[in-house]
Each structure stands twice: as C-alpha cells, then as structure tokens.
Amino acid sequence: MRNNWRDCKAWKDFGVELSTTNNEAAKLFDAVLTQYVGWYDDDSLGGLEKSVEKMIGNDPNFGTYHNTFTSD
C-alpha cells in the first residue's frame, strides 16, 4: 500500500489546483482518490469512508468553490 501522499505543492506540480491550502487535506484527498480508483479500503487509513471524514475534518470547505463567469 502507498504511504507517500501528495501535498498541495505536489498536486500543483502535477497540474492540479486544489481548493484547499491544507496539506493534510490534500494528502487525504490523494488517499481517497487512490482507494476509490483502486476499489479497496486501506486499513492503515481506516478505509475510504474514514479517509473522507478525516479529509473534510481537516478542511470543511475542501471541495466547495464558486465559479465566476464573466462576459465580455
């Protein structure tokens, strides 16, 4: 199992701008995504559900953002 998760800078370097500046939330997002895509629960993290809870606990606003549309 993986144990080296991407923080905010690593996500940005990868070309993905997250809606959080909380590194722990970013790492947990990586863990959540990995578990979801891999279709497994990582017991060392408490599984997918617990990982999501921890991620949101570190940044309750993570994943929420507002789109701004401008017209020319």
N, C-alpha and C. Protein backbone atom coordinates (compact mmCIF):
# COMPACT_ATOMS: atom_id res chain seq x y z
N MET A 1 0.83 -1.18 0.00
CA MET A 1 0.00 0.00 0.00
C MET A 1 0.88 1.25 0.00
N ARG A 2 0.37 2.27 -0.62
CA ARG A 2 1.09 3.55 -0.64
C ARG A 2 1.07 4.20 0.72
N ASN A 3 2.07 5.00 0.99
CA ASN A 3 2.07 5.79 2.22
C ASN A 3 2.71 7.15 2.01
N ASN A 4 2.97 7.50 0.77
CA ASN A 4 3.56 8.78 0.44
C ASN A 4 2.54 9.55 -0.41
N TRP A 5 1.77 10.39 0.25
CA TRP A 5 0.66 11.08 -0.42
C TRP A 5 1.07 12.49 -0.84
N ARG A 6 0.45 12.99 -1.90
CA ARG A 6 0.77 14.32 -2.44
C ARG A 6 0.17 15.43 -1.59
N ASP A 7 1.00 16.43 -1.28
CA ASP A 7 0.53 17.62 -0.58
C ASP A 7 0.11 18.66 -1.63
N CYS A 8 -0.24 19.85 -1.17
CA CYS A 8 -0.73 20.90 -2.09
C CYS A 8 0.27 21.21 -3.19
N LYS A 9 1.54 21.34 -2.83
CA LYS A 9 2.56 21.67 -3.83
C LYS A 9 2.72 20.54 -4.84
N ALA A 10 2.70 19.32 -4.38
CA ALA A 10 2.84 18.18 -5.30
C ALA A 10 1.66 18.12 -6.27
N TRP A 11 0.45 18.41 -5.77
CA TRP A 11 -0.71 18.44 -6.67
C TRP A 11 -0.55 19.56 -7.70
N LYS A 12 -0.09 20.73 -7.25
CA LYS A 12 0.10 21.85 -8.17
C LYS A 12 1.16 21.52 -9.21
N ASP A 13 2.26 20.91 -8.76
CA ASP A 13 3.32 20.49 -9.69
C ASP A 13 2.80 19.47 -10.70
N PHE A 14 1.81 18.69 -10.29
CA PHE A 14 1.18 17.68 -11.14
C PHE A 14 0.19 18.32 -12.12
N GLY A 15 -0.12 19.61 -11.89
CA GLY A 15 -1.03 20.33 -12.78
C GLY A 15 -2.45 20.42 -12.27
N VAL A 16 -2.65 20.10 -10.99
CA VAL A 16 -3.98 20.13 -10.40
C VAL A 16 -4.00 21.16 -9.28
N GLU A 17 -4.85 22.15 -9.41
CA GLU A 17 -5.01 23.18 -8.39
C GLU A 17 -6.18 22.78 -7.49
N LEU A 18 -5.88 22.47 -6.25
CA LEU A 18 -6.92 22.07 -5.31
C LEU A 18 -7.59 23.28 -4.68
N SER A 19 -8.77 23.07 -4.12
CA SER A 19 -9.49 24.15 -3.47
C SER A 19 -9.15 24.23 -1.98
N THR A 20 -8.02 23.68 -1.59
CA THR A 20 -7.57 23.75 -0.21
C THR A 20 -6.10 24.15 -0.17
N THR A 21 -5.71 24.77 0.91
CA THR A 21 -4.30 25.04 1.16
C THR A 21 -3.80 24.19 2.32
N ASN A 22 -4.66 23.31 2.80
CA ASN A 22 -4.34 22.43 3.92
C ASN A 22 -3.64 21.18 3.39
N ASN A 23 -2.36 21.02 3.72
CA ASN A 23 -1.59 19.89 3.19
C ASN A 23 -2.13 18.54 3.64
N GLU A 24 -2.62 18.45 4.86
CA GLU A 24 -3.16 17.18 5.34
C GLU A 24 -4.41 16.80 4.55
N ALA A 25 -5.26 17.78 4.27
CA ALA A 25 -6.46 17.52 3.46
C ALA A 25 -6.07 17.10 2.05
N ALA A 26 -5.03 17.73 1.49
CA ALA A 26 -4.56 17.37 0.15
C ALA A 26 -4.04 15.94 0.12
N LYS A 27 -3.29 15.56 1.14
CA LYS A 27 -2.77 14.19 1.21
C LYS A 27 -3.90 13.19 1.37
N LEU A 28 -4.88 13.54 2.17
CA LEU A 28 -6.02 12.63 2.35
C LEU A 28 -6.84 12.53 1.07
N PHE A 29 -6.92 13.63 0.31
CA PHE A 29 -7.59 13.58 -0.99
C PHE A 29 -6.89 12.56 -1.90
N ASP A 30 -5.57 12.59 -1.90
CA ASP A 30 -4.80 11.62 -2.68
C ASP A 30 -5.12 10.20 -2.22
N ALA A 31 -5.19 10.01 -0.91
CA ALA A 31 -5.51 8.69 -0.36
C ALA A 31 -6.92 8.26 -0.73
N VAL A 32 -7.86 9.19 -0.66
CA VAL A 32 -9.25 8.89 -1.02
C VAL A 32 -9.34 8.51 -2.50
N LEU A 33 -8.73 9.32 -3.33
CA LEU A 33 -8.76 9.06 -4.77
C LEU A 33 -8.13 7.71 -5.11
N THR A 34 -7.01 7.41 -4.48
CA THR A 34 -6.31 6.15 -4.72
C THR A 34 -7.17 4.96 -4.30
N GLN A 35 -7.80 5.06 -3.15
CA GLN A 35 -8.66 3.97 -2.68
C GLN A 35 -9.87 3.80 -3.59
N TYR A 36 -10.46 4.92 -4.00
CA TYR A 36 -11.65 4.87 -4.85
C TYR A 36 -11.34 4.24 -6.21
N VAL A 37 -10.29 4.72 -6.84
CA VAL A 37 -9.92 4.21 -8.16
C VAL A 37 -9.43 2.76 -8.06
N GLY A 38 -8.73 2.45 -6.98
CA GLY A 38 -8.22 1.09 -6.80
C GLY A 38 -9.24 0.12 -6.26
N TRP A 39 -10.40 0.64 -5.89
CA TRP A 39 -11.51 -0.18 -5.41
C TRP A 39 -11.11 -1.01 -4.19
N TYR A 40 -10.50 -0.33 -3.19
CA TYR A 40 -10.10 -1.02 -1.97
C TYR A 40 -10.14 -0.05 -0.79
N ASP A 41 -10.16 -0.61 0.40
CA ASP A 41 -10.03 0.16 1.63
C ASP A 41 -8.63 -0.04 2.18
N ASP A 42 -7.94 1.05 2.43
CA ASP A 42 -6.61 0.98 3.04
C ASP A 42 -6.81 0.98 4.55
N ASP A 43 -6.61 -0.17 5.17
CA ASP A 43 -6.84 -0.31 6.60
C ASP A 43 -5.98 0.62 7.44
N SER A 44 -4.79 0.95 6.95
CA SER A 44 -3.90 1.84 7.72
C SER A 44 -4.48 3.25 7.83
N LEU A 45 -5.42 3.59 6.94
CA LEU A 45 -6.07 4.90 6.95
C LEU A 45 -7.49 4.83 7.51
N GLY A 46 -7.93 3.63 7.85
CA GLY A 46 -9.29 3.46 8.33
C GLY A 46 -10.29 3.22 7.22
N GLY A 47 -9.80 3.02 6.01
CA GLY A 47 -10.67 2.78 4.87
C GLY A 47 -11.10 4.07 4.19
N LEU A 48 -11.85 3.90 3.13
CA LEU A 48 -12.27 5.04 2.31
C LEU A 48 -13.16 6.00 3.08
N GLU A 49 -14.15 5.48 3.77
CA GLU A 49 -15.09 6.35 4.49
C GLU A 49 -14.39 7.19 5.55
N LYS A 50 -13.53 6.57 6.32
CA LYS A 50 -12.80 7.29 7.37
C LYS A 50 -11.84 8.31 6.76
N SER A 51 -11.24 7.97 5.62
CA SER A 51 -10.34 8.90 4.94
C SER A 51 -11.08 10.16 4.51
N VAL A 52 -12.30 9.98 3.99
CA VAL A 52 -13.11 11.14 3.59
C VAL A 52 -13.45 11.98 4.82
N GLU A 53 -13.83 11.33 5.90
CA GLU A 53 -14.15 12.06 7.13
C GLU A 53 -12.95 12.87 7.62
N LYS A 54 -11.77 12.27 7.59
CA LYS A 54 -10.56 12.97 8.03
C LYS A 54 -10.24 14.14 7.10
N MET A 55 -10.41 13.93 5.79
CA MET A 55 -10.13 14.97 4.81
C MET A 55 -11.03 16.19 5.07
N ILE A 56 -12.32 15.95 5.21
CA ILE A 56 -13.26 17.04 5.46
C ILE A 56 -13.01 17.65 6.84
N GLY A 57 -12.62 16.83 7.80
CA GLY A 57 -12.30 17.34 9.13
C GLY A 57 -11.12 18.30 9.12
N ASN A 58 -10.17 18.08 8.23
CA ASN A 58 -9.01 18.96 8.12
C ASN A 58 -9.33 20.25 7.40
N ASP A 59 -10.30 20.21 6.50
CA ASP A 59 -10.73 21.42 5.78
C ASP A 59 -12.19 21.24 5.39
N PRO A 60 -13.11 21.72 6.24
CA PRO A 60 -14.54 21.55 5.97
C PRO A 60 -15.00 22.15 4.64
N ASN A 61 -14.25 23.10 4.11
CA ASN A 61 -14.63 23.73 2.84
C ASN A 61 -13.95 23.12 1.63
N PHE A 62 -13.14 22.10 1.85
CA PHE A 62 -12.43 21.46 0.74
C PHE A 62 -13.45 20.86 -0.22
N GLY A 63 -13.27 21.19 -1.48
CA GLY A 63 -14.18 20.67 -2.49
C GLY A 63 -15.33 21.60 -2.79
N THR A 64 -15.48 22.64 -1.99
CA THR A 64 -16.52 23.61 -2.27
C THR A 64 -15.86 24.87 -2.83
N TYR A 65 -16.38 25.34 -3.88
CA TYR A 65 -15.83 26.54 -4.51
C TYR A 65 -16.92 27.20 -5.33
N HIS A 66 -16.64 28.38 -5.75
CA HIS A 66 -17.60 29.12 -6.56
C HIS A 66 -16.99 29.42 -7.91
N ASN A 67 -17.76 29.20 -8.93
CA ASN A 67 -17.32 29.55 -10.28
C ASN A 67 -17.75 30.99 -10.56
N THR A 68 -16.87 31.73 -11.14
CA THR A 68 -17.19 33.09 -11.51
C THR A 68 -17.18 33.18 -13.03
N PHE A 69 -18.30 33.58 -13.57
CA PHE A 69 -18.40 33.72 -15.02
C PHE A 69 -18.38 35.20 -15.37
N THR A 70 -17.61 35.52 -16.33
CA THR A 70 -17.56 36.90 -16.79
C THR A 70 -17.98 36.94 -18.24
N SER A 71 -18.58 38.01 -18.61
CA SER A 71 -18.95 38.16 -20.02
C SER A 71 -18.19 39.34 -20.60
N ASP A 72 -17.80 39.19 -21.81
CA ASP A 72 -17.05 40.26 -22.48
C ASP A 72 -17.98 41.14 -23.27
